N, C-alpha and C. Protein backbone atom coordinates (compact mmCIF):
# COMPACT_ATOMS: atom_id res chain seq x y z
N MET A 1 107.99 -110.77 -184.36
CA MET A 1 106.62 -111.38 -183.99
C MET A 1 106.47 -112.57 -184.71
N PRO A 2 106.23 -113.82 -184.24
CA PRO A 2 106.05 -115.05 -185.00
C PRO A 2 104.72 -114.93 -185.81
N ASP A 3 104.71 -115.57 -186.97
CA ASP A 3 103.49 -115.71 -187.96
C ASP A 3 102.72 -116.97 -187.39
N TRP A 4 101.77 -116.63 -186.63
CA TRP A 4 100.86 -117.81 -186.22
C TRP A 4 99.73 -118.27 -187.09
N SER A 5 99.79 -117.92 -188.36
CA SER A 5 98.72 -118.19 -189.29
C SER A 5 99.08 -119.44 -190.08
N CYS A 6 97.97 -119.93 -190.62
CA CYS A 6 98.15 -121.25 -191.57
C CYS A 6 97.15 -121.00 -192.66
N SER A 7 97.45 -121.40 -193.90
CA SER A 7 96.60 -121.04 -194.96
C SER A 7 95.39 -122.00 -194.94
N SER A 8 95.32 -123.16 -194.43
CA SER A 8 94.35 -124.08 -194.30
C SER A 8 93.92 -124.62 -193.01
N PRO A 9 93.08 -123.66 -192.23
CA PRO A 9 92.69 -124.02 -190.92
C PRO A 9 91.69 -125.13 -190.91
N PRO A 10 91.75 -125.91 -189.76
CA PRO A 10 90.65 -127.12 -189.84
C PRO A 10 89.28 -126.47 -189.88
N SER A 11 88.56 -127.32 -190.56
CA SER A 11 87.03 -127.05 -190.78
C SER A 11 86.54 -127.04 -189.34
N ARG A 12 85.48 -126.05 -189.14
CA ARG A 12 84.69 -125.90 -187.78
C ARG A 12 83.33 -126.64 -187.94
N THR A 13 83.13 -127.23 -188.96
CA THR A 13 81.80 -127.96 -189.24
C THR A 13 82.11 -129.48 -189.40
N GLY A 14 81.20 -130.26 -189.03
CA GLY A 14 81.23 -131.71 -189.14
C GLY A 14 80.28 -132.15 -190.34
N HIS A 15 79.74 -133.33 -190.16
CA HIS A 15 78.79 -133.85 -191.25
C HIS A 15 77.74 -132.88 -191.41
N TYR A 16 77.30 -132.62 -192.59
CA TYR A 16 76.16 -131.77 -192.99
C TYR A 16 76.14 -130.41 -192.49
N GLY A 17 77.38 -129.89 -192.21
CA GLY A 17 77.40 -128.40 -191.94
C GLY A 17 77.29 -128.21 -190.49
N ARG A 18 77.14 -129.20 -189.65
CA ARG A 18 76.93 -128.94 -188.14
C ARG A 18 78.03 -128.45 -187.55
N ARG A 19 78.03 -127.40 -186.57
CA ARG A 19 79.21 -126.94 -185.88
C ARG A 19 79.72 -128.16 -185.14
N LEU A 20 81.13 -128.25 -185.06
CA LEU A 20 81.81 -129.24 -184.33
C LEU A 20 81.46 -129.30 -182.79
N ARG A 21 81.52 -128.20 -182.21
CA ARG A 21 81.27 -128.19 -180.95
C ARG A 21 80.40 -126.88 -180.41
N GLU A 22 79.38 -127.13 -179.77
CA GLU A 22 78.70 -125.97 -179.17
C GLU A 22 79.37 -125.33 -177.94
N PRO A 23 79.35 -124.19 -177.72
CA PRO A 23 79.87 -123.66 -176.44
C PRO A 23 79.37 -124.46 -175.22
N THR A 24 80.13 -124.66 -174.29
CA THR A 24 79.82 -125.39 -173.12
C THR A 24 78.61 -124.77 -172.38
N TRP A 25 78.37 -123.41 -172.43
CA TRP A 25 77.31 -122.74 -171.82
C TRP A 25 75.90 -123.03 -172.59
N ALA A 26 75.98 -123.51 -173.70
CA ALA A 26 74.76 -123.65 -174.67
C ALA A 26 73.92 -124.93 -174.10
N PRO A 27 72.63 -124.70 -174.02
CA PRO A 27 71.81 -125.86 -173.64
C PRO A 27 71.89 -126.85 -174.71
N ARG A 28 71.91 -128.12 -174.44
CA ARG A 28 71.81 -129.17 -175.37
C ARG A 28 71.24 -130.45 -174.69
N TRP A 29 70.72 -131.14 -175.76
CA TRP A 29 70.06 -132.51 -175.26
C TRP A 29 71.15 -133.36 -174.85
N ARG A 30 70.95 -134.11 -173.87
CA ARG A 30 71.87 -135.09 -173.39
C ARG A 30 71.15 -136.60 -173.35
N PRO A 31 71.82 -137.50 -173.95
CA PRO A 31 71.20 -138.84 -173.78
C PRO A 31 71.09 -139.23 -172.36
N PRO A 32 70.23 -140.21 -172.16
CA PRO A 32 70.18 -140.63 -170.76
C PRO A 32 71.45 -141.27 -170.38
N VAL A 33 71.54 -141.28 -169.05
CA VAL A 33 72.83 -141.85 -168.36
C VAL A 33 72.66 -143.40 -168.31
N ARG A 34 73.54 -144.11 -169.01
CA ARG A 34 73.35 -145.58 -168.93
C ARG A 34 74.35 -146.10 -167.81
N ALA A 35 73.90 -147.29 -167.46
CA ALA A 35 74.60 -147.92 -166.29
C ALA A 35 76.03 -148.34 -166.77
N THR A 36 76.11 -148.77 -168.00
CA THR A 36 77.45 -149.16 -168.54
C THR A 36 77.73 -148.32 -169.77
N PRO A 37 78.90 -147.85 -170.14
CA PRO A 37 79.21 -147.06 -171.28
C PRO A 37 78.84 -147.92 -172.48
N PRO A 38 78.52 -147.27 -173.76
CA PRO A 38 78.49 -147.95 -174.90
C PRO A 38 79.85 -148.54 -175.30
N PRO A 39 79.90 -149.73 -175.89
CA PRO A 39 81.04 -150.43 -176.11
C PRO A 39 81.93 -149.46 -176.98
N HIS A 40 81.52 -148.80 -177.84
CA HIS A 40 82.44 -148.12 -178.70
C HIS A 40 83.19 -146.99 -177.97
N SER A 41 82.67 -146.46 -176.87
CA SER A 41 83.35 -145.48 -176.02
C SER A 41 84.39 -146.14 -175.40
N ASP A 42 84.31 -147.35 -174.71
CA ASP A 42 85.31 -147.88 -174.07
C ASP A 42 86.48 -148.24 -175.01
N VAL A 43 86.26 -148.70 -176.15
CA VAL A 43 87.33 -149.08 -177.10
C VAL A 43 88.01 -147.79 -177.54
N PHE A 44 87.27 -146.76 -177.70
CA PHE A 44 87.90 -145.45 -178.20
C PHE A 44 88.68 -144.89 -176.98
N LEU A 45 88.20 -144.81 -175.85
CA LEU A 45 88.81 -144.09 -174.62
C LEU A 45 90.06 -144.99 -174.25
N ARG A 46 89.92 -146.42 -174.29
CA ARG A 46 90.94 -147.26 -173.96
C ARG A 46 92.23 -146.93 -175.02
N GLY A 47 91.75 -146.86 -176.33
CA GLY A 47 92.66 -146.66 -177.38
C GLY A 47 93.53 -145.31 -177.20
N VAL A 48 92.75 -144.38 -176.68
CA VAL A 48 93.48 -142.96 -176.50
C VAL A 48 94.26 -142.86 -175.31
N GLY A 49 93.55 -143.39 -174.10
CA GLY A 49 94.14 -143.14 -172.87
C GLY A 49 94.65 -144.33 -172.13
N GLY A 50 94.65 -145.58 -172.71
CA GLY A 50 95.15 -146.72 -172.14
C GLY A 50 94.24 -147.36 -171.22
N ASP A 51 94.63 -148.47 -170.56
CA ASP A 51 93.73 -149.23 -169.83
C ASP A 51 93.29 -148.54 -168.56
N GLY A 52 94.15 -147.60 -168.05
CA GLY A 52 93.73 -146.87 -166.98
C GLY A 52 92.89 -145.69 -167.16
N TYR A 53 92.30 -145.49 -168.32
CA TYR A 53 91.66 -144.06 -168.65
C TYR A 53 90.52 -143.81 -167.59
N ARG A 54 89.82 -144.79 -167.15
CA ARG A 54 88.73 -144.53 -166.17
C ARG A 54 89.27 -143.80 -165.02
N ASP A 55 90.22 -144.41 -164.31
CA ASP A 55 90.86 -143.97 -163.25
C ASP A 55 91.45 -142.46 -163.32
N ALA A 56 92.02 -142.25 -164.42
CA ALA A 56 92.71 -141.01 -164.81
C ALA A 56 91.53 -139.95 -165.00
N ILE A 57 90.47 -140.22 -165.54
CA ILE A 57 89.34 -139.30 -165.80
C ILE A 57 88.53 -139.13 -164.46
N ARG A 58 88.29 -140.21 -163.90
CA ARG A 58 87.55 -140.15 -162.52
C ARG A 58 88.33 -139.41 -161.46
N ASP A 59 89.66 -139.63 -161.42
CA ASP A 59 90.45 -138.86 -160.36
C ASP A 59 90.44 -137.43 -160.55
N ARG A 60 90.37 -136.92 -161.93
CA ARG A 60 90.40 -135.55 -162.31
C ARG A 60 89.13 -134.96 -162.29
N PHE A 61 88.07 -135.67 -162.76
CA PHE A 61 86.76 -135.04 -162.92
C PHE A 61 85.57 -135.63 -162.09
N GLY A 62 85.93 -136.73 -161.43
CA GLY A 62 84.95 -137.36 -160.67
C GLY A 62 84.09 -138.39 -161.46
N GLU A 63 83.02 -138.87 -160.92
CA GLU A 63 82.31 -140.07 -161.55
C GLU A 63 81.44 -139.29 -162.61
N ALA A 64 80.84 -138.17 -162.39
CA ALA A 64 80.15 -137.56 -163.43
C ALA A 64 80.95 -137.14 -164.64
N GLY A 65 82.17 -136.76 -164.39
CA GLY A 65 83.11 -136.43 -165.46
C GLY A 65 83.34 -137.76 -166.37
N LEU A 66 83.61 -138.78 -165.76
CA LEU A 66 83.77 -140.05 -166.45
C LEU A 66 82.59 -140.43 -167.24
N ALA A 67 81.37 -140.24 -166.68
CA ALA A 67 80.28 -140.60 -167.37
C ALA A 67 80.01 -139.66 -168.55
N GLU A 68 80.26 -138.37 -168.49
CA GLU A 68 80.29 -137.46 -169.60
C GLU A 68 81.32 -137.79 -170.69
N ALA A 69 82.46 -138.20 -170.25
CA ALA A 69 83.44 -138.57 -171.24
C ALA A 69 83.09 -139.64 -172.04
N GLU A 70 82.46 -140.64 -171.41
CA GLU A 70 81.97 -141.83 -172.12
C GLU A 70 80.94 -141.49 -173.07
N ARG A 71 79.91 -140.65 -172.59
CA ARG A 71 78.87 -140.20 -173.43
C ARG A 71 79.34 -139.52 -174.60
N GLU A 72 80.27 -138.46 -174.40
CA GLU A 72 80.75 -137.50 -175.37
C GLU A 72 81.68 -138.15 -176.35
N SER A 73 82.16 -139.35 -176.07
CA SER A 73 83.01 -139.99 -177.07
C SER A 73 82.46 -140.30 -178.31
N SER A 74 81.16 -140.40 -178.43
CA SER A 74 80.54 -140.72 -179.69
C SER A 74 80.65 -139.52 -180.56
N PHE A 75 80.84 -138.27 -180.04
CA PHE A 75 80.97 -137.19 -180.79
C PHE A 75 82.22 -137.26 -181.74
N PHE A 76 83.25 -138.01 -181.30
CA PHE A 76 84.47 -138.25 -182.10
C PHE A 76 84.17 -138.84 -183.40
N PHE A 77 83.36 -139.95 -183.28
CA PHE A 77 82.94 -140.78 -184.48
C PHE A 77 81.96 -139.86 -185.41
N ALA A 78 81.00 -139.23 -184.71
CA ALA A 78 79.90 -138.63 -185.57
C ALA A 78 80.43 -137.26 -186.22
N ASP A 79 81.27 -136.49 -185.59
CA ASP A 79 81.63 -135.20 -186.05
C ASP A 79 83.24 -134.92 -186.30
N GLU A 80 84.01 -135.28 -185.39
CA GLU A 80 85.35 -135.02 -185.43
C GLU A 80 86.14 -135.82 -186.50
N LEU A 81 85.83 -137.15 -186.44
CA LEU A 81 86.58 -138.05 -187.45
C LEU A 81 86.32 -137.62 -188.99
N PRO A 82 85.07 -137.36 -189.32
CA PRO A 82 84.67 -136.98 -190.69
C PRO A 82 85.26 -135.56 -190.96
N ALA A 83 85.34 -134.75 -190.06
CA ALA A 83 85.91 -133.32 -190.22
C ALA A 83 87.40 -133.53 -190.58
N VAL A 84 88.00 -134.24 -189.69
CA VAL A 84 89.45 -134.48 -189.94
C VAL A 84 89.85 -135.10 -191.26
N GLY A 85 88.98 -136.14 -191.46
CA GLY A 85 89.15 -136.65 -192.79
C GLY A 85 89.01 -135.88 -193.97
N ALA A 86 88.13 -134.82 -193.84
CA ALA A 86 87.91 -133.93 -195.10
C ALA A 86 89.04 -132.76 -195.01
N TRP A 87 89.76 -132.60 -193.86
CA TRP A 87 90.71 -131.54 -193.83
C TRP A 87 92.05 -132.01 -194.39
N THR A 88 92.61 -131.16 -195.29
CA THR A 88 93.87 -131.47 -195.94
C THR A 88 94.95 -130.71 -195.38
N PHE A 89 96.03 -131.31 -194.87
CA PHE A 89 97.19 -130.62 -194.36
C PHE A 89 98.37 -131.56 -194.75
N GLY A 90 99.18 -130.92 -195.46
CA GLY A 90 100.45 -131.76 -195.92
C GLY A 90 101.69 -130.87 -195.83
N PRO A 91 102.63 -131.42 -196.39
CA PRO A 91 104.08 -130.61 -196.47
C PRO A 91 103.92 -129.19 -196.98
N ALA A 92 103.12 -128.99 -198.05
CA ALA A 92 102.91 -127.63 -198.59
C ALA A 92 102.36 -126.74 -197.59
N GLU A 93 101.27 -127.06 -196.94
CA GLU A 93 100.79 -126.23 -195.79
C GLU A 93 101.53 -125.93 -194.67
N GLY A 94 102.23 -127.20 -194.26
CA GLY A 94 103.22 -127.13 -193.19
C GLY A 94 104.33 -126.15 -193.17
N THR A 95 104.93 -125.95 -194.36
CA THR A 95 105.98 -125.03 -194.61
C THR A 95 105.49 -123.56 -194.40
N GLN A 96 104.15 -123.34 -194.44
CA GLN A 96 103.61 -122.04 -194.23
C GLN A 96 103.47 -121.64 -192.69
N VAL A 97 103.57 -122.70 -191.95
CA VAL A 97 103.52 -122.41 -190.39
C VAL A 97 104.90 -122.00 -190.06
N THR A 98 105.11 -120.78 -189.87
CA THR A 98 106.55 -120.33 -189.48
C THR A 98 106.69 -120.08 -187.95
N ALA A 99 105.66 -120.25 -187.25
CA ALA A 99 105.87 -119.97 -185.78
C ALA A 99 106.38 -121.28 -185.27
N PRO A 100 107.15 -121.08 -184.05
CA PRO A 100 107.77 -122.30 -183.34
C PRO A 100 106.58 -123.05 -182.77
N VAL A 101 106.76 -124.38 -182.95
CA VAL A 101 105.62 -125.35 -182.64
C VAL A 101 106.35 -126.36 -181.74
N LEU A 102 105.59 -126.53 -180.58
CA LEU A 102 106.16 -127.73 -179.61
C LEU A 102 105.13 -128.85 -179.74
N LEU A 103 105.63 -130.02 -180.06
CA LEU A 103 104.72 -131.31 -180.26
C LEU A 103 105.21 -132.14 -179.04
N LEU A 104 104.40 -132.33 -178.03
CA LEU A 104 104.61 -133.16 -176.98
C LEU A 104 104.12 -134.54 -177.06
N HIS A 105 104.66 -135.57 -176.67
CA HIS A 105 103.96 -136.92 -176.50
C HIS A 105 104.63 -137.65 -175.31
N GLY A 106 103.96 -138.56 -174.87
CA GLY A 106 104.31 -139.29 -173.53
C GLY A 106 105.13 -140.55 -174.02
N GLY A 107 105.89 -140.91 -173.17
CA GLY A 107 106.73 -142.17 -173.33
C GLY A 107 105.77 -143.45 -173.44
N GLU A 108 104.64 -143.28 -172.93
CA GLU A 108 103.73 -144.37 -172.85
C GLU A 108 102.59 -144.18 -173.82
N THR A 109 102.62 -143.21 -174.66
CA THR A 109 101.73 -142.96 -175.65
C THR A 109 101.58 -144.10 -176.71
N ARG A 110 100.56 -144.53 -177.15
CA ARG A 110 100.54 -145.47 -178.29
C ARG A 110 101.11 -145.18 -179.47
N PRO A 111 101.71 -146.10 -180.09
CA PRO A 111 102.67 -145.82 -181.29
C PRO A 111 101.94 -144.96 -182.42
N LEU A 112 100.57 -144.99 -182.72
CA LEU A 112 99.96 -144.20 -183.64
C LEU A 112 100.20 -142.76 -183.26
N PHE A 113 100.06 -142.39 -182.11
CA PHE A 113 100.23 -140.95 -181.72
C PHE A 113 101.74 -140.54 -181.89
N ARG A 114 102.60 -141.27 -181.47
CA ARG A 114 104.01 -141.01 -181.57
C ARG A 114 104.37 -140.76 -183.17
N GLU A 115 103.81 -141.69 -183.91
CA GLU A 115 104.07 -141.66 -185.34
C GLU A 115 103.56 -140.28 -185.93
N ASN A 116 102.34 -139.94 -185.49
CA ASN A 116 101.67 -138.68 -185.88
C ASN A 116 102.61 -137.59 -185.52
N VAL A 117 103.26 -137.48 -184.42
CA VAL A 117 104.06 -136.40 -183.99
C VAL A 117 105.23 -136.41 -184.87
N GLU A 118 105.88 -137.43 -185.22
CA GLU A 118 107.08 -137.49 -186.20
C GLU A 118 106.57 -136.89 -187.65
N ILE A 119 105.50 -137.34 -188.06
CA ILE A 119 104.99 -136.95 -189.27
C ILE A 119 104.83 -135.40 -189.28
N LEU A 120 104.13 -134.95 -188.33
CA LEU A 120 103.80 -133.57 -188.28
C LEU A 120 105.14 -132.75 -188.18
N ALA A 121 105.99 -133.25 -187.36
CA ALA A 121 107.20 -132.51 -187.02
C ALA A 121 108.02 -132.39 -188.31
N SER A 122 107.92 -133.41 -189.11
CA SER A 122 108.79 -133.38 -190.46
C SER A 122 108.18 -132.26 -191.53
N MET A 123 106.91 -131.94 -191.21
CA MET A 123 106.23 -130.97 -192.08
C MET A 123 106.37 -129.36 -191.69
N LEU A 124 106.67 -129.30 -190.36
CA LEU A 124 106.75 -127.87 -189.82
C LEU A 124 108.18 -127.46 -189.66
N PRO A 125 108.59 -126.39 -190.23
CA PRO A 125 109.86 -126.04 -190.24
C PRO A 125 110.50 -125.55 -189.00
N ASN A 126 109.74 -125.19 -188.10
CA ASN A 126 110.16 -124.74 -186.58
C ASN A 126 109.55 -125.60 -185.62
N ALA A 127 109.48 -126.97 -185.76
CA ALA A 127 108.82 -127.79 -184.83
C ALA A 127 109.94 -128.33 -183.91
N ARG A 128 109.65 -128.42 -182.65
CA ARG A 128 110.39 -129.00 -181.66
C ARG A 128 109.47 -130.11 -180.99
N THR A 129 110.08 -131.39 -180.95
CA THR A 129 109.37 -132.39 -180.24
C THR A 129 110.05 -132.70 -178.86
N ALA A 130 109.11 -133.14 -177.99
CA ALA A 130 109.60 -133.61 -176.63
C ALA A 130 108.78 -134.85 -176.23
N MET A 131 109.47 -135.78 -175.59
CA MET A 131 108.84 -137.00 -175.11
C MET A 131 108.98 -136.83 -173.73
N LEU A 132 107.82 -137.08 -173.05
CA LEU A 132 107.63 -136.94 -171.52
C LEU A 132 107.54 -138.40 -170.95
N PRO A 133 108.66 -138.94 -170.31
CA PRO A 133 108.61 -140.30 -169.87
C PRO A 133 107.47 -140.60 -168.98
N GLY A 134 106.90 -141.76 -169.12
CA GLY A 134 105.94 -142.18 -168.19
C GLY A 134 104.54 -141.63 -168.38
N LEU A 135 104.35 -140.79 -169.36
CA LEU A 135 103.08 -140.27 -169.57
C LEU A 135 102.46 -140.87 -170.93
N ASN A 136 101.07 -140.84 -171.02
CA ASN A 136 100.43 -141.45 -172.09
C ASN A 136 99.58 -140.15 -172.67
N HIS A 137 98.71 -140.41 -173.58
CA HIS A 137 97.80 -139.34 -174.21
C HIS A 137 96.88 -138.56 -173.20
N LEU A 138 96.89 -139.17 -171.95
CA LEU A 138 96.02 -138.39 -171.03
C LEU A 138 97.03 -137.54 -170.10
N GLY A 139 98.24 -137.33 -170.50
CA GLY A 139 99.16 -136.62 -169.57
C GLY A 139 98.60 -135.50 -169.10
N PRO A 140 97.83 -134.61 -169.94
CA PRO A 140 97.34 -133.21 -169.37
C PRO A 140 96.53 -133.45 -168.21
N LEU A 141 95.89 -134.62 -168.10
CA LEU A 141 94.94 -135.01 -166.86
C LEU A 141 95.78 -135.42 -165.78
N THR A 142 96.77 -136.31 -166.06
CA THR A 142 97.33 -137.17 -165.03
C THR A 142 98.74 -136.39 -164.47
N HIS A 143 99.25 -135.62 -165.29
CA HIS A 143 100.57 -134.88 -165.04
C HIS A 143 100.51 -133.42 -165.54
N PRO A 144 99.62 -132.60 -165.14
CA PRO A 144 99.59 -131.31 -165.70
C PRO A 144 100.76 -130.42 -165.39
N ALA A 145 101.41 -130.59 -164.26
CA ALA A 145 102.64 -129.84 -163.91
C ALA A 145 103.81 -130.13 -164.90
N GLU A 146 103.90 -131.35 -165.30
CA GLU A 146 104.93 -131.67 -166.20
C GLU A 146 104.70 -131.15 -167.65
N ILE A 147 103.50 -131.13 -168.05
CA ILE A 147 103.05 -130.58 -169.31
C ILE A 147 103.33 -129.13 -169.18
N ALA A 148 102.87 -128.36 -168.14
CA ALA A 148 103.16 -127.06 -168.04
C ALA A 148 104.60 -126.63 -168.07
N LEU A 149 105.39 -127.42 -167.32
CA LEU A 149 106.77 -127.17 -167.21
C LEU A 149 107.46 -127.14 -168.76
N ALA A 150 107.04 -128.26 -169.52
CA ALA A 150 107.61 -128.38 -170.98
C ALA A 150 107.15 -127.30 -171.73
N ILE A 151 105.90 -126.82 -171.63
CA ILE A 151 105.35 -125.65 -172.42
C ILE A 151 106.17 -124.41 -171.92
N ALA A 152 106.24 -124.15 -170.60
CA ALA A 152 106.94 -122.96 -170.13
C ALA A 152 108.44 -122.88 -170.62
N GLN A 153 109.07 -123.96 -170.70
CA GLN A 153 110.50 -124.08 -171.12
C GLN A 153 110.53 -123.62 -172.53
N PHE A 154 109.61 -124.31 -173.26
CA PHE A 154 109.54 -123.98 -174.83
C PHE A 154 109.31 -122.54 -175.08
N VAL A 155 108.35 -121.92 -174.40
CA VAL A 155 107.90 -120.44 -174.45
C VAL A 155 109.21 -119.71 -174.09
N GLY A 156 109.66 -120.02 -173.09
CA GLY A 156 110.95 -119.23 -172.55
C GLY A 156 112.12 -119.18 -173.65
N ASP A 157 112.25 -120.40 -174.32
CA ASP A 157 113.35 -120.64 -175.34
C ASP A 157 113.01 -120.00 -176.61
N SER A 158 111.74 -119.77 -176.90
CA SER A 158 111.28 -119.32 -178.32
C SER A 158 111.35 -117.79 -178.49
């Protein structure tokens, strides 16, 4: 049986001890819907998902899903980024992850994400990387069957 543990799991709290993410069923305050997304959300989502992020999100989740993604992108700056910055994970921690790991990236993924896959793969003793041609960081939205096939093949081989 593979060891799925890691000695330094990521923090589940953001700035000032707030939970990173409340359950989706929990009631929460929502800012009013804006006619145009805040500029930081466009920059962030374009950086992650490429110029076609709006179409990819809209096609999968509709207009309301796109509006929510644009609203929720501020969460990345307020909570996720500081938590990731406070989390330490390096080669010493990586060697403790003995389970097989699949690191996927798309052929159209921005260089930063591809570089991070290479760095992480170099730290994990049982990592396998796979590049899926034509996909970007939004591949799970735009090409779920290809992602599922890559995962199924990995699990079948492991």
